[in-house]
Amino acid sequence: MTLDIREHLAKLRDAIRKVEMDAETRASARKLDSEISDFLDEKVDDAGKDSLMKRAKELEEKFAERYPRTAQVVGEILEAIADAGS
């Protein structure tokens, strides 16, 4: 499962690099990247995971209209993280 999340994270990084977005949105995406990395490195407890999921969902919704492919990647990450807890 961790491999799936890492693969999706690589896609997110690629999208952040390739997609033209404003500085605030790019910063939010990079922060999410960092938080996902912390999750993968097991630096996040259950409360942190819940917070990560909430922020990722908010970012997915923010991306939906302007950056649909990036929103899809964030959605895939959300699904993989949720499955990791099952």
PDB file of N, CA and C in Angstrom:
ATOM      1  N   MET A   1       0.820  -1.198   0.000  1.00  0.00           N
ATOM      2  CA  MET A   1       0.000   0.000   0.000  1.00  0.00           C
ATOM      3  C   MET A   1       0.864   1.263   0.000  1.00  0.00           C
ATOM      4  N   THR A   2       1.943   1.233   0.790  1.00  0.00           N
ATOM      5  CA  THR A   2       2.824   2.393   0.842  1.00  0.00           C
ATOM      6  C   THR A   2       3.380   2.704  -0.537  1.00  0.00           C
ATOM      7  N   LEU A   3       3.672   1.656  -1.311  1.00  0.00           N
ATOM      8  CA  LEU A   3       4.190   1.850  -2.652  1.00  0.00           C
ATOM      9  C   LEU A   3       3.174   2.612  -3.496  1.00  0.00           C
ATOM     10  N   ASP A   4       1.880   2.254  -3.376  1.00  0.00           N
ATOM     11  CA  ASP A   4       0.832   2.962  -4.110  1.00  0.00           C
ATOM     12  C   ASP A   4       0.828   4.436  -3.747  1.00  0.00           C
ATOM     13  N   ILE A   5       0.917   4.741  -2.473  1.00  0.00           N
ATOM     14  CA  ILE A   5       0.905   6.137  -2.032  1.00  0.00           C
ATOM     15  C   ILE A   5       2.132   6.848  -2.589  1.00  0.00           C
ATOM     16  N   ARG A   6       3.286   6.199  -2.542  1.00  0.00           N
ATOM     17  CA  ARG A   6       4.505   6.809  -3.071  1.00  0.00           C
ATOM     18  C   ARG A   6       4.393   7.063  -4.579  1.00  0.00           C
ATOM     19  N   GLU A   7       3.776   6.147  -5.295  1.00  0.00           N
ATOM     20  CA  GLU A   7       3.577   6.342  -6.738  1.00  0.00           C
ATOM     21  C   GLU A   7       2.658   7.542  -6.993  1.00  0.00           C
ATOM     22  N   HIS A   8       1.597   7.651  -6.216  1.00  0.00           N
ATOM     23  CA  HIS A   8       0.684   8.785  -6.371  1.00  0.00           C
ATOM     24  C   HIS A   8       1.375  10.083  -5.970  1.00  0.00           C
ATOM     25  N   LEU A   9       2.202  10.023  -4.946  1.00  0.00           N
ATOM     26  CA  LEU A   9       2.941  11.200  -4.507  1.00  0.00           C
ATOM     27  C   LEU A   9       3.888  11.666  -5.614  1.00  0.00           C
ATOM     28  N   ALA A  10       4.514  10.738  -6.305  1.00  0.00           N
ATOM     29  CA  ALA A  10       5.384  11.096  -7.437  1.00  0.00           C
ATOM     30  C   ALA A  10       4.568  11.789  -8.528  1.00  0.00           C
ATOM     31  N   LYS A  11       3.340  11.314  -8.770  1.00  0.00           N
ATOM     32  CA  LYS A  11       2.459  11.958  -9.747  1.00  0.00           C
ATOM     33  C   LYS A  11       2.100  13.374  -9.299  1.00  0.00           C
ATOM     34  N   LEU A  12       1.838  13.532  -7.999  1.00  0.00           N
ATOM     35  CA  LEU A  12       1.507  14.860  -7.476  1.00  0.00           C
ATOM     36  C   LEU A  12       2.691  15.807  -7.670  1.00  0.00           C
ATOM     37  N   ARG A  13       3.874  15.344  -7.348  1.00  0.00           N
ATOM     38  CA  ARG A  13       5.073  16.176  -7.522  1.00  0.00           C
ATOM     39  C   ARG A  13       5.252  16.577  -8.975  1.00  0.00           C
ATOM     40  N   ASP A  14       5.006  15.635  -9.876  1.00  0.00           N
ATOM     41  CA  ASP A  14       5.116  15.917 -11.304  1.00  0.00           C
ATOM     42  C   ASP A  14       4.086  16.972 -11.719  1.00  0.00           C
ATOM     43  N   ALA A  15       2.877  16.826 -11.223  1.00  0.00           N
ATOM     44  CA  ALA A  15       1.821  17.792 -11.553  1.00  0.00           C
ATOM     45  C   ALA A  15       2.151  19.178 -11.002  1.00  0.00           C
ATOM     46  N   ILE A  16       2.650  19.233  -9.787  1.00  0.00           N
ATOM     47  CA  ILE A  16       3.016  20.516  -9.185  1.00  0.00           C
ATOM     48  C   ILE A  16       4.088  21.197 -10.038  1.00  0.00           C
ATOM     49  N   ARG A  17       5.000  20.405 -10.533  1.00  0.00           N
ATOM     50  CA  ARG A  17       6.092  20.945 -11.329  1.00  0.00           C
ATOM     51  C   ARG A  17       5.620  21.414 -12.706  1.00  0.00           C
ATOM     52  N   LYS A  18       4.689  20.683 -13.308  1.00  0.00           N
ATOM     53  CA  LYS A  18       4.283  20.952 -14.690  1.00  0.00           C
ATOM     54  C   LYS A  18       3.130  21.937 -14.841  1.00  0.00           C
ATOM     55  N   VAL A  19       2.232  21.957 -13.868  1.00  0.00           N
ATOM     56  CA  VAL A  19       1.018  22.765 -13.982  1.00  0.00           C
ATOM     57  C   VAL A  19       1.307  24.201 -13.542  1.00  0.00           C
ATOM     58  N   GLU A  20       0.834  25.129 -14.329  1.00  0.00           N
ATOM     59  CA  GLU A  20       0.986  26.538 -13.962  1.00  0.00           C
ATOM     60  C   GLU A  20      -0.095  26.882 -12.939  1.00  0.00           C
ATOM     61  N   MET A  21       0.343  27.255 -11.735  1.00  0.00           N
ATOM     62  CA  MET A  21      -0.598  27.607 -10.681  1.00  0.00           C
ATOM     63  C   MET A  21      -0.045  28.787  -9.901  1.00  0.00           C
ATOM     64  N   ASP A  22      -0.937  29.492  -9.230  1.00  0.00           N
ATOM     65  CA  ASP A  22      -0.499  30.642  -8.445  1.00  0.00           C
ATOM     66  C   ASP A  22       0.346  30.174  -7.263  1.00  0.00           C
ATOM     67  N   ALA A  23       1.106  31.094  -6.709  1.00  0.00           N
ATOM     68  CA  ALA A  23       2.065  30.766  -5.641  1.00  0.00           C
ATOM     69  C   ALA A  23       1.386  30.166  -4.416  1.00  0.00           C
ATOM     70  N   GLU A  24       0.229  30.685  -4.039  1.00  0.00           N
ATOM     71  CA  GLU A  24      -0.481  30.176  -2.858  1.00  0.00           C
ATOM     72  C   GLU A  24      -0.914  28.721  -3.059  1.00  0.00           C
ATOM     73  N   THR A  25      -1.448  28.422  -4.233  1.00  0.00           N
ATOM     74  CA  THR A  25      -1.892  27.062  -4.530  1.00  0.00           C
ATOM     75  C   THR A  25      -0.698  26.111  -4.576  1.00  0.00           C
ATOM     76  N   ARG A  26       0.374  26.560  -5.205  1.00  0.00           N
ATOM     77  CA  ARG A  26       1.586  25.740  -5.285  1.00  0.00           C
ATOM     78  C   ARG A  26       2.127  25.468  -3.871  1.00  0.00           C
ATOM     79  N   ALA A  27       2.112  26.475  -3.019  1.00  0.00           N
ATOM     80  CA  ALA A  27       2.575  26.298  -1.635  1.00  0.00           C
ATOM     81  C   ALA A  27       1.692  25.295  -0.892  1.00  0.00           C
ATOM     82  N   SER A  28       0.386  25.364  -1.104  1.00  0.00           N
ATOM     83  CA  SER A  28      -0.532  24.408  -0.470  1.00  0.00           C
ATOM     84  C   SER A  28      -0.256  22.987  -0.947  1.00  0.00           C
ATOM     85  N   ALA A  29      -0.003  22.842  -2.238  1.00  0.00           N
ATOM     86  CA  ALA A  29       0.288  21.522  -2.793  1.00  0.00           C
ATOM     87  C   ALA A  29       1.609  20.986  -2.248  1.00  0.00           C
ATOM     88  N   ARG A  30       2.587  21.844  -2.128  1.00  0.00           N
ATOM     89  CA  ARG A  30       3.886  21.404  -1.583  1.00  0.00           C
ATOM     90  C   ARG A  30       3.769  21.041  -0.100  1.00  0.00           C
ATOM     91  N   LYS A  31       2.937  21.779   0.618  1.00  0.00           N
ATOM     92  CA  LYS A  31       2.724  21.458   2.033  1.00  0.00           C
ATOM     93  C   LYS A  31       2.063  20.082   2.152  1.00  0.00           C
ATOM     94  N   LEU A  32       1.092  19.822   1.291  1.00  0.00           N
ATOM     95  CA  LEU A  32       0.447  18.514   1.286  1.00  0.00           C
ATOM     96  C   LEU A  32       1.474  17.422   0.974  1.00  0.00           C
ATOM     97  N   ASP A  33       2.325  17.673   0.019  1.00  0.00           N
ATOM     98  CA  ASP A  33       3.397  16.740  -0.320  1.00  0.00           C
ATOM     99  C   ASP A  33       4.224  16.413   0.930  1.00  0.00           C
ATOM    100  N   SER A  34       4.608  17.428   1.658  1.00  0.00           N
ATOM    101  CA  SER A  34       5.407  17.243   2.873  1.00  0.00           C
ATOM    102  C   SER A  34       4.649  16.433   3.923  1.00  0.00           C
ATOM    103  N   GLU A  35       3.373  16.735   4.088  1.00  0.00           N
ATOM    104  CA  GLU A  35       2.560  16.027   5.071  1.00  0.00           C
ATOM    105  C   GLU A  35       2.379  14.555   4.695  1.00  0.00           C
ATOM    106  N   ILE A  36       2.235  14.287   3.413  1.00  0.00           N
ATOM    107  CA  ILE A  36       2.105  12.900   2.956  1.00  0.00           C
ATOM    108  C   ILE A  36       3.421  12.162   3.198  1.00  0.00           C
ATOM    109  N   SER A  37       4.528  12.834   2.944  1.00  0.00           N
ATOM    110  CA  SER A  37       5.838  12.228   3.212  1.00  0.00           C
ATOM    111  C   SER A  37       5.984  11.887   4.689  1.00  0.00           C
ATOM    112  N   ASP A  38       5.546  12.793   5.551  1.00  0.00           N
ATOM    113  CA  ASP A  38       5.589  12.515   6.998  1.00  0.00           C
ATOM    114  C   ASP A  38       4.724  11.305   7.336  1.00  0.00           C
ATOM    115  N   PHE A  39       3.565  11.211   6.719  1.00  0.00           N
ATOM    116  CA  PHE A  39       2.690  10.065   6.935  1.00  0.00           C
ATOM    117  C   PHE A  39       3.396   8.774   6.525  1.00  0.00           C
ATOM    118  N   LEU A  40       4.041   8.802   5.373  1.00  0.00           N
ATOM    119  CA  LEU A  40       4.738   7.608   4.883  1.00  0.00           C
ATOM    120  C   LEU A  40       5.918   7.227   5.768  1.00  0.00           C
ATOM    121  N   ASP A  41       6.527   8.230   6.374  1.00  0.00           N
ATOM    122  CA  ASP A  41       7.659   7.980   7.274  1.00  0.00           C
ATOM    123  C   ASP A  41       7.189   7.675   8.696  1.00  0.00           C
ATOM    124  N   GLU A  42       5.875   7.506   8.837  1.00  0.00           N
ATOM    125  CA  GLU A  42       5.243   7.172  10.122  1.00  0.00           C
ATOM    126  C   GLU A  42       5.497   8.222  11.200  1.00  0.00           C
ATOM    127  N   LYS A  43       5.532   9.479  10.783  1.00  0.00           N
ATOM    128  CA  LYS A  43       5.700  10.589  11.722  1.00  0.00           C
ATOM    129  C   LYS A  43       4.351  11.206  12.101  1.00  0.00           C
ATOM    130  N   VAL A  44       3.261  10.552  11.684  1.00  0.00           N
ATOM    131  CA  VAL A  44       1.917  11.087  11.880  1.00  0.00           C
ATOM    132  C   VAL A  44       1.085  10.075  12.659  1.00  0.00           C
ATOM    133  N   ASP A  45       0.433  10.530  13.746  1.00  0.00           N
ATOM    134  CA  ASP A  45      -0.465   9.659  14.503  1.00  0.00           C
ATOM    135  C   ASP A  45      -1.858   9.697  13.873  1.00  0.00           C
ATOM    136  N   ASP A  46      -2.821   9.036  14.503  1.00  0.00           N
ATOM    137  CA  ASP A  46      -4.177   8.981  13.947  1.00  0.00           C
ATOM    138  C   ASP A  46      -4.798  10.365  13.784  1.00  0.00           C
ATOM    139  N   ALA A  47      -4.586  11.237  14.762  1.00  0.00           N
ATOM    140  CA  ALA A  47      -5.124  12.605  14.668  1.00  0.00           C
ATOM    141  C   ALA A  47      -4.471  13.339  13.499  1.00  0.00           C
ATOM    142  N   GLY A  48      -3.184  13.129  13.328  1.00  0.00           N
ATOM    143  CA  GLY A  48      -2.470  13.746  12.216  1.00  0.00           C
ATOM    144  C   GLY A  48      -2.951  13.219  10.881  1.00  0.00           C
ATOM    145  N   LYS A  49      -3.267  11.923  10.847  1.00  0.00           N
ATOM    146  CA  LYS A  49      -3.796  11.325   9.620  1.00  0.00           C
ATOM    147  C   LYS A  49      -5.146  11.945   9.283  1.00  0.00           C
ATOM    148  N   ASP A  50      -6.001  12.112  10.283  1.00  0.00           N
ATOM    149  CA  ASP A  50      -7.310  12.726  10.053  1.00  0.00           C
ATOM    150  C   ASP A  50      -7.157  14.150   9.528  1.00  0.00           C
ATOM    151  N   SER A  51      -6.231  14.887  10.107  1.00  0.00           N
ATOM    152  CA  SER A  51      -5.973  16.254   9.675  1.00  0.00           C
ATOM    153  C   SER A  51      -5.435  16.274   8.238  1.00  0.00           C
ATOM    154  N   LEU A  52      -4.535  15.358   7.939  1.00  0.00           N
ATOM    155  CA  LEU A  52      -3.994  15.233   6.583  1.00  0.00           C
ATOM    156  C   LEU A  52      -5.109  14.945   5.594  1.00  0.00           C
ATOM    157  N   MET A  53      -5.973  14.016   5.934  1.00  0.00           N
ATOM    158  CA  MET A  53      -7.086  13.667   5.049  1.00  0.00           C
ATOM    159  C   MET A  53      -7.998  14.868   4.803  1.00  0.00           C
ATOM    160  N   LYS A  54      -8.260  15.632   5.847  1.00  0.00           N
ATOM    161  CA  LYS A  54      -9.120  16.807   5.712  1.00  0.00           C
ATOM    162  C   LYS A  54      -8.476  17.833   4.780  1.00  0.00           C
ATOM    163  N   ARG A  55      -7.190  18.129   4.992  1.00  0.00           N
ATOM    164  CA  ARG A  55      -6.511  19.110   4.142  1.00  0.00           C
ATOM    165  C   ARG A  55      -6.402  18.626   2.702  1.00  0.00           C
ATOM    166  N   ALA A  56      -6.156  17.344   2.526  1.00  0.00           N
ATOM    167  CA  ALA A  56      -6.065  16.793   1.177  1.00  0.00           C
ATOM    168  C   ALA A  56      -7.412  16.909   0.459  1.00  0.00           C
ATOM    169  N   LYS A  57      -8.493  16.631   1.178  1.00  0.00           N
ATOM    170  CA  LYS A  57      -9.835  16.751   0.585  1.00  0.00           C
ATOM    171  C   LYS A  57     -10.125  18.196   0.195  1.00  0.00           C
ATOM    172  N   GLU A  58      -9.749  19.133   1.060  1.00  0.00           N
ATOM    173  CA  GLU A  58      -9.946  20.556   0.750  1.00  0.00           C
ATOM    174  C   GLU A  58      -9.156  20.957  -0.495  1.00  0.00           C
ATOM    175  N   LEU A  59      -7.927  20.478  -0.592  1.00  0.00           N
ATOM    176  CA  LEU A  59      -7.100  20.802  -1.748  1.00  0.00           C
ATOM    177  C   LEU A  59      -7.652  20.146  -3.010  1.00  0.00           C
ATOM    178  N   GLU A  60      -8.127  18.921  -2.882  1.00  0.00           N
ATOM    179  CA  GLU A  60      -8.740  18.242  -4.025  1.00  0.00           C
ATOM    180  C   GLU A  60      -9.910  19.064  -4.558  1.00  0.00           C
ATOM    181  N   GLU A  61     -10.754  19.556  -3.668  1.00  0.00           N
ATOM    182  CA  GLU A  61     -11.895  20.368  -4.072  1.00  0.00           C
ATOM    183  C   GLU A  61     -11.445  21.685  -4.704  1.00  0.00           C
ATOM    184  N   LYS A  62     -10.404  22.277  -4.155  1.00  0.00           N
ATOM    185  CA  LYS A  62      -9.870  23.533  -4.701  1.00  0.00           C
ATOM    186  C   LYS A  62      -9.324  23.317  -6.114  1.00  0.00           C
ATOM    187  N   PHE A  63      -8.683  22.166  -6.340  1.00  0.00           N
ATOM    188  CA  PHE A  63      -8.100  21.870  -7.641  1.00  0.00           C
ATOM    189  C   PHE A  63      -9.131  21.461  -8.686  1.00  0.00           C
ATOM    190  N   ALA A  64     -10.268  20.970  -8.251  1.00  0.00           N
ATOM    191  CA  ALA A  64     -11.227  20.306  -9.143  1.00  0.00           C
ATOM    192  C   ALA A  64     -11.518  21.074 -10.436  1.00  0.00           C
ATOM    193  N   GLU A  65     -11.762  22.341 -10.350  1.00  0.00           N
ATOM    194  CA  GLU A  65     -12.142  23.100 -11.537  1.00  0.00           C
ATOM    195  C   GLU A  65     -10.939  23.505 -12.379  1.00  0.00           C
ATOM    196  N   ARG A  66      -9.918  24.044 -11.746  1.00  0.00           N
ATOM    197  CA  ARG A  66      -8.779  24.600 -12.498  1.00  0.00           C
ATOM    198  C   ARG A  66      -7.704  23.579 -12.841  1.00  0.00           C
ATOM    199  N   TYR A  67      -7.557  22.557 -12.005  1.00  0.00           N
ATOM    200  CA  TYR A  67      -6.490  21.567 -12.183  1.00  0.00           C
ATOM    201  C   TYR A  67      -7.069  20.159 -12.033  1.00  0.00           C
ATOM    202  N   PRO A  68      -7.931  19.742 -12.955  1.00  0.00           N
ATOM    203  CA  PRO A  68      -8.639  18.467 -12.776  1.00  0.00           C
ATOM    204  C   PRO A  68      -7.719  17.254 -12.661  1.00  0.00           C
ATOM    205  N   ARG A  69      -6.640  17.205 -13.409  1.00  0.00           N
ATOM    206  CA  ARG A  69      -5.739  16.047 -13.313  1.00  0.00           C
ATOM    207  C   ARG A  69      -5.054  16.016 -11.942  1.00  0.00           C
ATOM    208  N   THR A  70      -4.651  17.177 -11.453  1.00  0.00           N
ATOM    209  CA  THR A  70      -4.029  17.247 -10.138  1.00  0.00           C
ATOM    210  C   THR A  70      -5.037  16.861  -9.063  1.00  0.00           C
ATOM    211  N   ALA A  71      -6.279  17.307  -9.214  1.00  0.00           N
ATOM    212  CA  ALA A  71      -7.333  16.928  -8.264  1.00  0.00           C
ATOM    213  C   ALA A  71      -7.524  15.416  -8.261  1.00  0.00           C
ATOM    214  N   GLN A  72      -7.453  14.797  -9.439  1.00  0.00           N
ATOM    215  CA  GLN A  72      -7.595  13.349  -9.534  1.00  0.00           C
ATOM    216  C   GLN A  72      -6.468  12.647  -8.780  1.00  0.00           C
ATOM    217  N   VAL A  73      -5.254  13.151  -8.920  1.00  0.00           N
ATOM    218  CA  VAL A  73      -4.107  12.558  -8.220  1.00  0.00           C
ATOM    219  C   VAL A  73      -4.295  12.682  -6.711  1.00  0.00           C
ATOM    220  N   VAL A  74      -4.737  13.841  -6.249  1.00  0.00           N
ATOM    221  CA  VAL A  74      -4.970  14.032  -4.816  1.00  0.00           C
ATOM    222  C   VAL A  74      -6.054  13.058  -4.341  1.00  0.00           C
ATOM    223  N   GLY A  75      -7.078  12.872  -5.148  1.00  0.00           N
ATOM    224  CA  GLY A  75      -8.127  11.908  -4.807  1.00  0.00           C
ATOM    225  C   GLY A  75      -7.595  10.489  -4.696  1.00  0.00           C
ATOM    226  N   GLU A  76      -6.686  10.126  -5.608  1.00  0.00           N
ATOM    227  CA  GLU A  76      -6.071   8.798  -5.554  1.00  0.00           C
ATOM    228  C   GLU A  76      -5.240   8.637  -4.280  1.00  0.00           C
ATOM    229  N   ILE A  77      -4.556   9.705  -3.890  1.00  0.00           N
ATOM    230  CA  ILE A  77      -3.777   9.679  -2.652  1.00  0.00           C
ATOM    231  C   ILE A  77      -4.705   9.513  -1.457  1.00  0.00           C
ATOM    232  N   LEU A  78      -5.803  10.253  -1.436  1.00  0.00           N
ATOM    233  CA  LEU A  78      -6.771  10.130  -0.348  1.00  0.00           C
ATOM    234  C   LEU A  78      -7.260   8.691  -0.215  1.00  0.00           C
ATOM    235  N   GLU A  79      -7.597   8.099  -1.336  1.00  0.00           N
ATOM    236  CA  GLU A  79      -8.089   6.725  -1.331  1.00  0.00           C
ATOM    237  C   GLU A  79      -7.026   5.761  -0.822  1.00  0.00           C
ATOM    238  N   ALA A  80      -5.792   5.942  -1.272  1.00  0.00           N
ATOM    239  CA  ALA A  80      -4.706   5.060  -0.836  1.00  0.00           C
ATOM    240  C   ALA A  80      -4.419   5.205   0.656  1.00  0.00           C
ATOM    241  N   ILE A  81      -4.467   6.440   1.156  1.00  0.00           N
ATOM    242  CA  ILE A  81      -4.231   6.659   2.585  1.00  0.00           C
ATOM    243  C   ILE A  81      -5.368   6.049   3.407  1.00  0.00           C
ATOM    244  N   ALA A  82      -6.591   6.227   2.952  1.00  0.00           N
ATOM    245  CA  ALA A  82      -7.734   5.643   3.654  1.00  0.00           C
ATOM    246  C   ALA A  82      -7.613   4.118   3.681  1.00  0.00           C
ATOM    247  N   ASP A  83      -7.204   3.527   2.559  1.00  0.00           N
ATOM    248  CA  ASP A  83      -7.037   2.074   2.500  1.00  0.00           C
ATOM    249  C   ASP A  83      -5.901   1.599   3.404  1.00  0.00           C
ATOM    250  N   ALA A  84      -4.892   2.442   3.592  1.00  0.00           N
ATOM    251  CA  ALA A  84      -3.747   2.072   4.421  1.00  0.00           C
ATOM    252  C   ALA A  84      -4.169   1.872   5.877  1.00  0.00           C
ATOM    253  N   GLY A  85      -5.253   2.512   6.274  1.00  0.00           N
ATOM    254  CA  GLY A  85      -5.723   2.383   7.646  1.00  0.00           C
ATOM    255  C   GLY A  85      -6.673   1.237   7.844  1.00  0.00           C
ATOM    256  N   SER A  86      -7.048   0.586   6.764  1.00  0.00           N
ATOM    257  CA  SER A  86      -8.027  -0.508   6.852  1.00  0.00           C
ATOM    258  C   SER A  86      -7.398  -1.788   7.317  1.00  0.00           C
TER     259      SER A  86
END
